[in-house]
């Protein structure tokens, strides 16, 4: 019922390169606890 906005296996954008963020979750958390933040970064070109 609660879903991500990400599409698994979506095609890359040809001819464009984006800066990279290495993201680390908090102690005893998981990556997915930060989905909104991660999606915002990506939507702005990271």
ModelCIF file with pLDDT and N, C-alpha, C, O atoms, coordinates in Angstrom:
data_MODEL
#
_entry.id   MODEL 
#
_entity.id                         1 
_entity.type                       polymer 
_entity.pdbx_number_of_molecules   1 
#
_entity_poly.entity_id                      1 
_entity_poly.type                           'polypeptide(L)' 
_entity_poly.nstd_linkage                   no 
_entity_poly.nstd_monomer                   no 
_entity_poly.pdbx_seq_one_letter_code       
;(UNK)(UNK)(UNK)(UNK)(UNK)(UNK)(UNK)(UNK)(UNK)(UNK)(UNK)(UNK)(UNK)(UNK)(UNK)(UNK)
(UNK)(UNK)(UNK)(UNK)(UNK)(UNK)(UNK)(UNK)(UNK)(UNK)(UNK)(UNK)(UNK)(UNK)(UNK)(UNK)
(UNK)(UNK)(UNK)(UNK)(UNK)(UNK)(UNK)(UNK)(UNK)(UNK)(UNK)(UNK)(UNK)(UNK)
;
_entity_poly.pdbx_seq_one_letter_code_can   XXXXXXXXXXXXXXXXXXXXXXXXXXXXXXXXXXXXXXXXXXXXXX 
_entity_poly.pdbx_strand_id                 A 
#
loop_
_entity_poly_seq.entity_id 
_entity_poly_seq.num 
_entity_poly_seq.mon_id 
_entity_poly_seq.hetero 
1 1  UNK n 
1 2  UNK n 
1 3  UNK n 
1 4  UNK n 
1 5  UNK n 
1 6  UNK n 
1 7  UNK n 
1 8  UNK n 
1 9  UNK n 
1 10 UNK n 
1 11 UNK n 
1 12 UNK n 
1 13 UNK n 
1 14 UNK n 
1 15 UNK n 
1 16 UNK n 
1 17 UNK n 
1 18 UNK n 
1 19 UNK n 
1 20 UNK n 
1 21 UNK n 
1 22 UNK n 
1 23 UNK n 
1 24 UNK n 
1 25 UNK n 
1 26 UNK n 
1 27 UNK n 
1 28 UNK n 
1 29 UNK n 
1 30 UNK n 
1 31 UNK n 
1 32 UNK n 
1 33 UNK n 
1 34 UNK n 
1 35 UNK n 
1 36 UNK n 
1 37 UNK n 
1 38 UNK n 
1 39 UNK n 
1 40 UNK n 
1 41 UNK n 
1 42 UNK n 
1 43 UNK n 
1 44 UNK n 
1 45 UNK n 
1 46 UNK n 
#
_struct_asym.id          A 
_struct_asym.entity_id   1 
#
loop_
_ma_qa_metric.id 
_ma_qa_metric.mode 
_ma_qa_metric.name 
_ma_qa_metric.software_group_id 
_ma_qa_metric.type 
1 global pLDDT . pLDDT 
2 local  pLDDT . pLDDT 
#
_ma_qa_metric_global.metric_id      1 
_ma_qa_metric_global.metric_value   96.43 
_ma_qa_metric_global.model_id       1 
_ma_qa_metric_global.ordinal_id     1 
#
loop_
_ma_qa_metric_local.label_asym_id 
_ma_qa_metric_local.label_comp_id 
_ma_qa_metric_local.label_seq_id 
_ma_qa_metric_local.metric_id 
_ma_qa_metric_local.metric_value 
_ma_qa_metric_local.model_id 
_ma_qa_metric_local.ordinal_id 
A UNK 1  2 92.00 1 1  
A UNK 2  2 94.00 1 2  
A UNK 3  2 94.00 1 3  
A UNK 4  2 95.00 1 4  
A UNK 5  2 95.00 1 5  
A UNK 6  2 96.00 1 6  
A UNK 7  2 95.00 1 7  
A UNK 8  2 94.00 1 8  
A UNK 9  2 94.00 1 9  
A UNK 10 2 95.00 1 10 
A UNK 11 2 95.00 1 11 
A UNK 12 2 96.00 1 12 
A UNK 13 2 96.00 1 13 
A UNK 14 2 94.00 1 14 
A UNK 15 2 94.00 1 15 
A UNK 16 2 95.00 1 16 
A UNK 17 2 97.00 1 17 
A UNK 18 2 98.00 1 18 
A UNK 19 2 98.00 1 19 
A UNK 20 2 98.00 1 20 
A UNK 21 2 98.00 1 21 
A UNK 22 2 98.00 1 22 
A UNK 23 2 98.00 1 23 
A UNK 24 2 98.00 1 24 
A UNK 25 2 98.00 1 25 
A UNK 26 2 97.00 1 26 
A UNK 27 2 94.00 1 27 
A UNK 28 2 94.00 1 28 
A UNK 29 2 96.00 1 29 
A UNK 30 2 97.00 1 30 
A UNK 31 2 97.00 1 31 
A UNK 32 2 97.00 1 32 
A UNK 33 2 97.00 1 33 
A UNK 34 2 98.00 1 34 
A UNK 35 2 98.00 1 35 
A UNK 36 2 97.00 1 36 
A UNK 37 2 97.00 1 37 
A UNK 38 2 98.00 1 38 
A UNK 39 2 98.00 1 39 
A UNK 40 2 98.00 1 40 
A UNK 41 2 98.00 1 41 
A UNK 42 2 98.00 1 42 
A UNK 43 2 98.00 1 43 
A UNK 44 2 98.00 1 44 
A UNK 45 2 98.00 1 45 
A UNK 46 2 98.00 1 46 
#
loop_
_atom_site.group_PDB 
_atom_site.id 
_atom_site.type_symbol 
_atom_site.label_atom_id 
_atom_site.label_alt_id 
_atom_site.label_comp_id 
_atom_site.label_asym_id 
_atom_site.label_entity_id 
_atom_site.label_seq_id 
_atom_site.pdbx_PDB_ins_code 
_atom_site.Cartn_x 
_atom_site.Cartn_y 
_atom_site.Cartn_z 
_atom_site.occupancy 
_atom_site.B_iso_or_equiv 
_atom_site.pdbx_formal_charge 
_atom_site.auth_seq_id 
_atom_site.auth_comp_id 
_atom_site.auth_asym_id 
_atom_site.auth_atom_id 
_atom_site.pdbx_PDB_model_num 
ATOM 1   N N  . UNK A 1 1  ? 0.831  -1.211 0.000   1.00 92.00 ? 1  UNK A N  1 
ATOM 2   C CA . UNK A 1 1  ? 0.000  0.000  0.000   1.00 92.00 ? 1  UNK A CA 1 
ATOM 3   C C  . UNK A 1 1  ? 0.862  1.257  0.000   1.00 92.00 ? 1  UNK A C  1 
ATOM 4   O O  . UNK A 1 1  ? 0.558  2.222  -0.701  1.00 92.00 ? 1  UNK A O  1 
ATOM 5   N N  . UNK A 1 2  ? 1.942  1.245  0.789   1.00 94.00 ? 2  UNK A N  1 
ATOM 6   C CA . UNK A 1 2  ? 2.932  2.326  0.770   1.00 94.00 ? 2  UNK A CA 1 
ATOM 7   C C  . UNK A 1 2  ? 4.028  1.916  -0.200  1.00 94.00 ? 2  UNK A C  1 
ATOM 8   O O  . UNK A 1 2  ? 4.655  0.870  -0.033  1.00 94.00 ? 2  UNK A O  1 
ATOM 9   N N  . UNK A 1 3  ? 4.256  2.734  -1.208  1.00 94.00 ? 3  UNK A N  1 
ATOM 10  C CA . UNK A 1 3  ? 5.209  2.376  -2.257  1.00 94.00 ? 3  UNK A CA 1 
ATOM 11  C C  . UNK A 1 3  ? 6.221  3.488  -2.482  1.00 94.00 ? 3  UNK A C  1 
ATOM 12  O O  . UNK A 1 3  ? 6.022  4.634  -2.078  1.00 94.00 ? 3  UNK A O  1 
ATOM 13  N N  . UNK A 1 4  ? 7.299  3.118  -3.132  1.00 95.00 ? 4  UNK A N  1 
ATOM 14  C CA . UNK A 1 4  ? 8.303  4.084  -3.566  1.00 95.00 ? 4  UNK A CA 1 
ATOM 15  C C  . UNK A 1 4  ? 7.839  4.742  -4.859  1.00 95.00 ? 4  UNK A C  1 
ATOM 16  O O  . UNK A 1 4  ? 6.925  4.253  -5.524  1.00 95.00 ? 4  UNK A O  1 
ATOM 17  N N  . UNK A 1 5  ? 8.478  5.860  -5.210  1.00 95.00 ? 5  UNK A N  1 
ATOM 18  C CA . UNK A 1 5  ? 8.265  6.452  -6.527  1.00 95.00 ? 5  UNK A CA 1 
ATOM 19  C C  . UNK A 1 5  ? 9.276  5.922  -7.541  1.00 95.00 ? 5  UNK A C  1 
ATOM 20  O O  . UNK A 1 5  ? 9.219  6.281  -8.717  1.00 95.00 ? 5  UNK A O  1 
ATOM 21  N N  . UNK A 1 6  ? 10.199 5.072  -7.094  1.00 96.00 ? 6  UNK A N  1 
ATOM 22  C CA . UNK A 1 6  ? 11.237 4.547  -7.980  1.00 96.00 ? 6  UNK A CA 1 
ATOM 23  C C  . UNK A 1 6  ? 10.700 3.397  -8.821  1.00 96.00 ? 6  UNK A C  1 
ATOM 24  O O  . UNK A 1 6  ? 9.844  2.630  -8.379  1.00 96.00 ? 6  UNK A O  1 
ATOM 25  N N  . UNK A 1 7  ? 11.213 3.294  -10.028 1.00 95.00 ? 7  UNK A N  1 
ATOM 26  C CA . UNK A 1 7  ? 10.866 2.205  -10.939 1.00 95.00 ? 7  UNK A CA 1 
ATOM 27  C C  . UNK A 1 7  ? 12.089 1.300  -11.070 1.00 95.00 ? 7  UNK A C  1 
ATOM 28  O O  . UNK A 1 7  ? 13.137 1.725  -11.556 1.00 95.00 ? 7  UNK A O  1 
ATOM 29  N N  . UNK A 1 8  ? 11.946 0.067  -10.638 1.00 94.00 ? 8  UNK A N  1 
ATOM 30  C CA . UNK A 1 8  ? 13.065 -0.868 -10.689 1.00 94.00 ? 8  UNK A CA 1 
ATOM 31  C C  . UNK A 1 8  ? 13.432 -1.180 -12.136 1.00 94.00 ? 8  UNK A C  1 
ATOM 32  O O  . UNK A 1 8  ? 12.577 -1.526 -12.951 1.00 94.00 ? 8  UNK A O  1 
ATOM 33  N N  . UNK A 1 9  ? 14.734 -1.048 -12.437 1.00 94.00 ? 9  UNK A N  1 
ATOM 34  C CA . UNK A 1 9  ? 15.223 -1.368 -13.773 1.00 94.00 ? 9  UNK A CA 1 
ATOM 35  C C  . UNK A 1 9  ? 14.865 -0.360 -14.840 1.00 94.00 ? 9  UNK A C  1 
ATOM 36  O O  . UNK A 1 9  ? 14.917 -0.688 -16.025 1.00 94.00 ? 9  UNK A O  1 
ATOM 37  N N  . UNK A 1 10 ? 14.501 0.858  -14.465 1.00 95.00 ? 10 UNK A N  1 
ATOM 38  C CA . UNK A 1 10 ? 14.160 1.880  -15.457 1.00 95.00 ? 10 UNK A CA 1 
ATOM 39  C C  . UNK A 1 10 ? 15.365 2.198  -16.332 1.00 95.00 ? 10 UNK A C  1 
ATOM 40  O O  . UNK A 1 10 ? 16.503 2.053  -15.886 1.00 95.00 ? 10 UNK A O  1 
ATOM 41  N N  . UNK A 1 11 ? 15.135 2.629  -17.571 1.00 95.00 ? 11 UNK A N  1 
ATOM 42  C CA . UNK A 1 11 ? 16.264 2.925  -18.459 1.00 95.00 ? 11 UNK A CA 1 
ATOM 43  C C  . UNK A 1 11 ? 17.041 4.155  -17.999 1.00 95.00 ? 11 UNK A C  1 
ATOM 44  O O  . UNK A 1 11 ? 16.474 5.066  -17.395 1.00 95.00 ? 11 UNK A O  1 
ATOM 45  N N  . UNK A 1 12 ? 18.333 4.175  -18.285 1.00 96.00 ? 12 UNK A N  1 
ATOM 46  C CA . UNK A 1 12 ? 19.141 5.347  -17.975 1.00 96.00 ? 12 UNK A CA 1 
ATOM 47  C C  . UNK A 1 12 ? 18.916 6.405  -19.049 1.00 96.00 ? 12 UNK A C  1 
ATOM 48  O O  . UNK A 1 12 ? 18.414 6.105  -20.132 1.00 96.00 ? 12 UNK A O  1 
ATOM 49  N N  . UNK A 1 13 ? 19.287 7.628  -18.744 1.00 96.00 ? 13 UNK A N  1 
ATOM 50  C CA . UNK A 1 13 ? 19.185 8.720  -19.708 1.00 96.00 ? 13 UNK A CA 1 
ATOM 51  C C  . UNK A 1 13 ? 20.475 8.748  -20.531 1.00 96.00 ? 13 UNK A C  1 
ATOM 52  O O  . UNK A 1 13 ? 21.536 9.031  -19.975 1.00 96.00 ? 13 UNK A O  1 
ATOM 53  N N  . UNK A 1 14 ? 20.421 8.470  -21.817 1.00 94.00 ? 14 UNK A N  1 
ATOM 54  C CA . UNK A 1 14 ? 21.658 8.428  -22.614 1.00 94.00 ? 14 UNK A CA 1 
ATOM 55  C C  . UNK A 1 14 ? 22.307 9.801  -22.728 1.00 94.00 ? 14 UNK A C  1 
ATOM 56  O O  . UNK A 1 14 ? 21.637 10.820 -22.893 1.00 94.00 ? 14 UNK A O  1 
ATOM 57  N N  . UNK A 1 15 ? 23.621 9.794  -22.634 1.00 94.00 ? 15 UNK A N  1 
ATOM 58  C CA . UNK A 1 15 ? 24.391 11.017 -22.856 1.00 94.00 ? 15 UNK A CA 1 
ATOM 59  C C  . UNK A 1 15 ? 24.451 11.970 -21.681 1.00 94.00 ? 15 UNK A C  1 
ATOM 60  O O  . UNK A 1 15 ? 25.002 13.063 -21.817 1.00 94.00 ? 15 UNK A O  1 
ATOM 61  N N  . UNK A 1 16 ? 23.900 11.596 -20.520 1.00 95.00 ? 16 UNK A N  1 
ATOM 62  C CA . UNK A 1 16 ? 23.956 12.471 -19.346 1.00 95.00 ? 16 UNK A CA 1 
ATOM 63  C C  . UNK A 1 16 ? 24.687 11.765 -18.209 1.00 95.00 ? 16 UNK A C  1 
ATOM 64  O O  . UNK A 1 16 ? 24.550 10.558 -18.007 1.00 95.00 ? 16 UNK A O  1 
ATOM 65  N N  . UNK A 1 17 ? 25.475 12.563 -17.468 1.00 97.00 ? 17 UNK A N  1 
ATOM 66  C CA . UNK A 1 17 ? 26.183 12.053 -16.300 1.00 97.00 ? 17 UNK A CA 1 
ATOM 67  C C  . UNK A 1 17 ? 25.808 12.925 -15.097 1.00 97.00 ? 17 UNK A C  1 
ATOM 68  O O  . UNK A 1 17 ? 25.653 14.141 -15.215 1.00 97.00 ? 17 UNK A O  1 
ATOM 69  N N  . UNK A 1 18 ? 25.668 12.282 -13.959 1.00 98.00 ? 18 UNK A N  1 
ATOM 70  C CA . UNK A 1 18 ? 25.222 12.977 -12.757 1.00 98.00 ? 18 UNK A CA 1 
ATOM 71  C C  . UNK A 1 18 ? 26.212 12.741 -11.615 1.00 98.00 ? 18 UNK A C  1 
ATOM 72  O O  . UNK A 1 18 ? 26.806 11.667 -11.520 1.00 98.00 ? 18 UNK A O  1 
ATOM 73  N N  . UNK A 1 19 ? 26.392 13.754 -10.740 1.00 98.00 ? 19 UNK A N  1 
ATOM 74  C CA . UNK A 1 19 ? 27.233 13.540 -9.556  1.00 98.00 ? 19 UNK A CA 1 
ATOM 75  C C  . UNK A 1 19 ? 26.624 12.451 -8.670  1.00 98.00 ? 19 UNK A C  1 
ATOM 76  O O  . UNK A 1 19 ? 25.435 12.143 -8.751  1.00 98.00 ? 19 UNK A O  1 
ATOM 77  N N  . UNK A 1 20 ? 27.480 11.885 -7.826  1.00 98.00 ? 20 UNK A N  1 
ATOM 78  C CA . UNK A 1 20 ? 27.119 10.690 -7.059  1.00 98.00 ? 20 UNK A CA 1 
ATOM 79  C C  . UNK A 1 20 ? 27.140 10.984 -5.566  1.00 98.00 ? 20 UNK A C  1 
ATOM 80  O O  . UNK A 1 20 ? 28.022 11.684 -5.069  1.00 98.00 ? 20 UNK A O  1 
ATOM 81  N N  . UNK A 1 21 ? 26.151 10.436 -4.858  1.00 98.00 ? 21 UNK A N  1 
ATOM 82  C CA . UNK A 1 21 ? 26.098 10.509 -3.401  1.00 98.00 ? 21 UNK A CA 1 
ATOM 83  C C  . UNK A 1 21 ? 26.208 9.093  -2.852  1.00 98.00 ? 21 UNK A C  1 
ATOM 84  O O  . UNK A 1 21 ? 25.391 8.232  -3.179  1.00 98.00 ? 21 UNK A O  1 
ATOM 85  N N  . UNK A 1 22 ? 27.220 8.848  -2.014  1.00 98.00 ? 22 UNK A N  1 
ATOM 86  C CA . UNK A 1 22 ? 27.284 7.610  -1.242  1.00 98.00 ? 22 UNK A CA 1 
ATOM 87  C C  . UNK A 1 22 ? 26.478 7.844  0.031   1.00 98.00 ? 22 UNK A C  1 
ATOM 88  O O  . UNK A 1 22 ? 26.864 8.661  0.867   1.00 98.00 ? 22 UNK A O  1 
ATOM 89  N N  . UNK A 1 23 ? 25.371 7.139  0.184   1.00 98.00 ? 23 UNK A N  1 
ATOM 90  C CA . UNK A 1 23 ? 24.484 7.398  1.321   1.00 98.00 ? 23 UNK A CA 1 
ATOM 91  C C  . UNK A 1 23 ? 24.548 6.267  2.337   1.00 98.00 ? 23 UNK A C  1 
ATOM 92  O O  . UNK A 1 23 ? 24.494 5.090  1.981   1.00 98.00 ? 23 UNK A O  1 
ATOM 93  N N  . UNK A 1 24 ? 24.666 6.646  3.622   1.00 98.00 ? 24 UNK A N  1 
ATOM 94  C CA . UNK A 1 24 ? 24.721 5.676  4.713   1.00 98.00 ? 24 UNK A CA 1 
ATOM 95  C C  . UNK A 1 24 ? 23.622 5.947  5.727   1.00 98.00 ? 24 UNK A C  1 
ATOM 96  O O  . UNK A 1 24 ? 23.462 7.073  6.197   1.00 98.00 ? 24 UNK A O  1 
ATOM 97  N N  . UNK A 1 25 ? 22.875 4.918  6.057   1.00 98.00 ? 25 UNK A N  1 
ATOM 98  C CA . UNK A 1 25 ? 21.770 5.000  7.009   1.00 98.00 ? 25 UNK A CA 1 
ATOM 99  C C  . UNK A 1 25 ? 22.280 5.131  8.437   1.00 98.00 ? 25 UNK A C  1 
ATOM 100 O O  . UNK A 1 25 ? 23.470 4.962  8.703   1.00 98.00 ? 25 UNK A O  1 
ATOM 101 N N  . UNK A 1 26 ? 21.373 5.430  9.342   1.00 97.00 ? 26 UNK A N  1 
ATOM 102 C CA . UNK A 1 26 ? 21.704 5.514  10.751  1.00 97.00 ? 26 UNK A CA 1 
ATOM 103 C C  . UNK A 1 26 ? 21.833 4.139  11.393  1.00 97.00 ? 26 UNK A C  1 
ATOM 104 O O  . UNK A 1 26 ? 21.520 3.118  10.780  1.00 97.00 ? 26 UNK A O  1 
ATOM 105 N N  . UNK A 1 27 ? 22.302 4.133  12.638  1.00 94.00 ? 27 UNK A N  1 
ATOM 106 C CA . UNK A 1 27 ? 22.530 2.909  13.402  1.00 94.00 ? 27 UNK A CA 1 
ATOM 107 C C  . UNK A 1 27 ? 21.223 2.141  13.569  1.00 94.00 ? 27 UNK A C  1 
ATOM 108 O O  . UNK A 1 27 ? 20.240 2.698  14.059  1.00 94.00 ? 27 UNK A O  1 
ATOM 109 N N  . UNK A 1 28 ? 21.199 0.899  13.177  1.00 94.00 ? 28 UNK A N  1 
ATOM 110 C CA . UNK A 1 28 ? 20.075 -0.037 13.261  1.00 94.00 ? 28 UNK A CA 1 
ATOM 111 C C  . UNK A 1 28 ? 18.923 0.334  12.335  1.00 94.00 ? 28 UNK A C  1 
ATOM 112 O O  . UNK A 1 28 ? 17.837 -0.233 12.456  1.00 94.00 ? 28 UNK A O  1 
ATOM 113 N N  . UNK A 1 29 ? 19.132 1.268  11.415  1.00 96.00 ? 29 UNK A N  1 
ATOM 114 C CA . UNK A 1 29 ? 18.111 1.643  10.440  1.00 96.00 ? 29 UNK A CA 1 
ATOM 115 C C  . UNK A 1 29 ? 18.366 0.893  9.130   1.00 96.00 ? 29 UNK A C  1 
ATOM 116 O O  . UNK A 1 29 ? 19.176 -0.032 9.092   1.00 96.00 ? 29 UNK A O  1 
ATOM 117 N N  . UNK A 1 30 ? 17.678 1.291  8.063   1.00 97.00 ? 30 UNK A N  1 
ATOM 118 C CA . UNK A 1 30 ? 17.932 0.741  6.737   1.00 97.00 ? 30 UNK A CA 1 
ATOM 119 C C  . UNK A 1 30 ? 17.906 1.878  5.730   1.00 97.00 ? 30 UNK A C  1 
ATOM 120 O O  . UNK A 1 30 ? 17.430 2.976  6.020   1.00 97.00 ? 30 UNK A O  1 
ATOM 121 N N  . UNK A 1 31 ? 18.429 1.597  4.539   1.00 97.00 ? 31 UNK A N  1 
ATOM 122 C CA . UNK A 1 31 ? 18.370 2.568  3.455   1.00 97.00 ? 31 UNK A CA 1 
ATOM 123 C C  . UNK A 1 31 ? 16.959 3.075  3.222   1.00 97.00 ? 31 UNK A C  1 
ATOM 124 O O  . UNK A 1 31 ? 16.752 4.265  2.985   1.00 97.00 ? 31 UNK A O  1 
ATOM 125 N N  . UNK A 1 32 ? 15.980 2.164  3.289   1.00 97.00 ? 32 UNK A N  1 
ATOM 126 C CA . UNK A 1 32 ? 14.626 2.504  2.862   1.00 97.00 ? 32 UNK A CA 1 
ATOM 127 C C  . UNK A 1 32 ? 13.915 3.418  3.841   1.00 97.00 ? 32 UNK A C  1 
ATOM 128 O O  . UNK A 1 32 ? 12.881 3.997  3.509   1.00 97.00 ? 32 UNK A O  1 
ATOM 129 N N  . UNK A 1 33 ? 14.459 3.555  5.046   1.00 97.00 ? 33 UNK A N  1 
ATOM 130 C CA . UNK A 1 33 ? 13.904 4.510  5.999   1.00 97.00 ? 33 UNK A CA 1 
ATOM 131 C C  . UNK A 1 33 ? 14.112 5.950  5.533   1.00 97.00 ? 33 UNK A C  1 
ATOM 132 O O  . UNK A 1 33 ? 13.535 6.874  6.106   1.00 97.00 ? 33 UNK A O  1 
ATOM 133 N N  . UNK A 1 34 ? 14.935 6.149  4.495   1.00 98.00 ? 34 UNK A N  1 
ATOM 134 C CA . UNK A 1 34 ? 15.269 7.482  3.990   1.00 98.00 ? 34 UNK A CA 1 
ATOM 135 C C  . UNK A 1 34 ? 14.817 7.644  2.537   1.00 98.00 ? 34 UNK A C  1 
ATOM 136 O O  . UNK A 1 34 ? 15.386 8.439  1.789   1.00 98.00 ? 34 UNK A O  1 
ATOM 137 N N  . UNK A 1 35 ? 13.796 6.889  2.147   1.00 98.00 ? 35 UNK A N  1 
ATOM 138 C CA . UNK A 1 35 ? 13.369 6.889  0.753   1.00 98.00 ? 35 UNK A CA 1 
ATOM 139 C C  . UNK A 1 35 ? 12.991 8.284  0.257   1.00 98.00 ? 35 UNK A C  1 
ATOM 140 O O  . UNK A 1 35 ? 13.373 8.655  -0.853  1.00 98.00 ? 35 UNK A O  1 
ATOM 141 N N  . UNK A 1 36 ? 12.256 9.062  1.042   1.00 97.00 ? 36 UNK A N  1 
ATOM 142 C CA . UNK A 1 36 ? 11.829 10.391 0.584   1.00 97.00 ? 36 UNK A CA 1 
ATOM 143 C C  . UNK A 1 36 ? 13.038 11.281 0.303   1.00 97.00 ? 36 UNK A C  1 
ATOM 144 O O  . UNK A 1 36 ? 13.079 11.970 -0.716  1.00 97.00 ? 36 UNK A O  1 
ATOM 145 N N  . UNK A 1 37 ? 14.017 11.267 1.200   1.00 97.00 ? 37 UNK A N  1 
ATOM 146 C CA . UNK A 1 37 ? 15.214 12.079 1.003   1.00 97.00 ? 37 UNK A CA 1 
ATOM 147 C C  . UNK A 1 37 ? 15.989 11.621 -0.230  1.00 97.00 ? 37 UNK A C  1 
ATOM 148 O O  . UNK A 1 37 ? 16.417 12.444 -1.040  1.00 97.00 ? 37 UNK A O  1 
ATOM 149 N N  . UNK A 1 38 ? 16.167 10.312 -0.371  1.00 98.00 ? 38 UNK A N  1 
ATOM 150 C CA . UNK A 1 38 ? 16.912 9.776  -1.511  1.00 98.00 ? 38 UNK A CA 1 
ATOM 151 C C  . UNK A 1 38 ? 16.211 10.136 -2.818  1.00 98.00 ? 38 UNK A C  1 
ATOM 152 O O  . UNK A 1 38 ? 16.853 10.566 -3.776  1.00 98.00 ? 38 UNK A O  1 
ATOM 153 N N  . UNK A 1 39 ? 14.897 9.959  -2.851  1.00 98.00 ? 39 UNK A N  1 
ATOM 154 C CA . UNK A 1 39 ? 14.157 10.278 -4.071  1.00 98.00 ? 39 UNK A CA 1 
ATOM 155 C C  . UNK A 1 39 ? 14.264 11.756 -4.423  1.00 98.00 ? 39 UNK A C  1 
ATOM 156 O O  . UNK A 1 39 ? 14.324 12.110 -5.600  1.00 98.00 ? 39 UNK A O  1 
ATOM 157 N N  . UNK A 1 40 ? 14.288 12.617 -3.417  1.00 98.00 ? 40 UNK A N  1 
ATOM 158 C CA . UNK A 1 40 ? 14.418 14.048 -3.695  1.00 98.00 ? 40 UNK A CA 1 
ATOM 159 C C  . UNK A 1 40 ? 15.776 14.355 -4.318  1.00 98.00 ? 40 UNK A C  1 
ATOM 160 O O  . UNK A 1 40 ? 15.855 15.109 -5.288  1.00 98.00 ? 40 UNK A O  1 
ATOM 161 N N  . UNK A 1 41 ? 16.850 13.774 -3.768  1.00 98.00 ? 41 UNK A N  1 
ATOM 162 C CA . UNK A 1 41 ? 18.171 13.965 -4.367  1.00 98.00 ? 41 UNK A CA 1 
ATOM 163 C C  . UNK A 1 41 ? 18.165 13.547 -5.836  1.00 98.00 ? 41 UNK A C  1 
ATOM 164 O O  . UNK A 1 41 ? 18.622 14.289 -6.705  1.00 98.00 ? 41 UNK A O  1 
ATOM 165 N N  . UNK A 1 42 ? 17.643 12.358 -6.099  1.00 98.00 ? 42 UNK A N  1 
ATOM 166 C CA . UNK A 1 42 ? 17.674 11.813 -7.460  1.00 98.00 ? 42 UNK A CA 1 
ATOM 167 C C  . UNK A 1 42 ? 16.836 12.671 -8.399  1.00 98.00 ? 42 UNK A C  1 
ATOM 168 O O  . UNK A 1 42 ? 17.241 12.925 -9.533  1.00 98.00 ? 42 UNK A O  1 
ATOM 169 N N  . UNK A 1 43 ? 15.678 13.118 -7.939  1.00 98.00 ? 43 UNK A N  1 
ATOM 170 C CA . UNK A 1 43 ? 14.820 13.930 -8.804  1.00 98.00 ? 43 UNK A CA 1 
ATOM 171 C C  . UNK A 1 43 ? 15.473 15.250 -9.190  1.00 98.00 ? 43 UNK A C  1 
ATOM 172 O O  . UNK A 1 43 ? 15.088 15.872 -10.180 1.00 98.00 ? 43 UNK A O  1 
ATOM 173 N N  . UNK A 1 44 ? 16.470 15.682 -8.400  1.00 98.00 ? 44 UNK A N  1 
ATOM 174 C CA . UNK A 1 44 ? 17.201 16.917 -8.704  1.00 98.00 ? 44 UNK A CA 1 
ATOM 175 C C  . UNK A 1 44 ? 18.535 16.649 -9.401  1.00 98.00 ? 44 UNK A C  1 
ATOM 176 O O  . UNK A 1 44 ? 19.379 17.541 -9.484  1.00 98.00 ? 44 UNK A O  1 
ATOM 177 N N  . UNK A 1 45 ? 18.728 15.437 -9.900  1.00 98.00 ? 45 UNK A N  1 
ATOM 178 C CA . UNK A 1 45 ? 19.904 15.180 -10.730 1.00 98.00 ? 45 UNK A CA 1 
ATOM 179 C C  . UNK A 1 45 ? 21.116 14.632 -10.019 1.00 98.00 ? 45 UNK A C  1 
ATOM 180 O O  . UNK A 1 45 ? 22.239 15.049 -10.300 1.00 98.00 ? 45 UNK A O  1 
ATOM 181 N N  . UNK A 1 46 ? 20.910 13.700 -9.095  1.00 98.00 ? 46 UNK A N  1 
ATOM 182 C CA . UNK A 1 46 ? 22.001 12.982 -8.451  1.00 98.00 ? 46 UNK A CA 1 
ATOM 183 C C  . UNK A 1 46 ? 21.772 11.481 -8.567  1.00 98.00 ? 46 UNK A C  1 
ATOM 184 O O  . UNK A 1 46 ? 22.585 10.693 -8.084  1.00 98.00 ? 46 UNK A O  1 
#
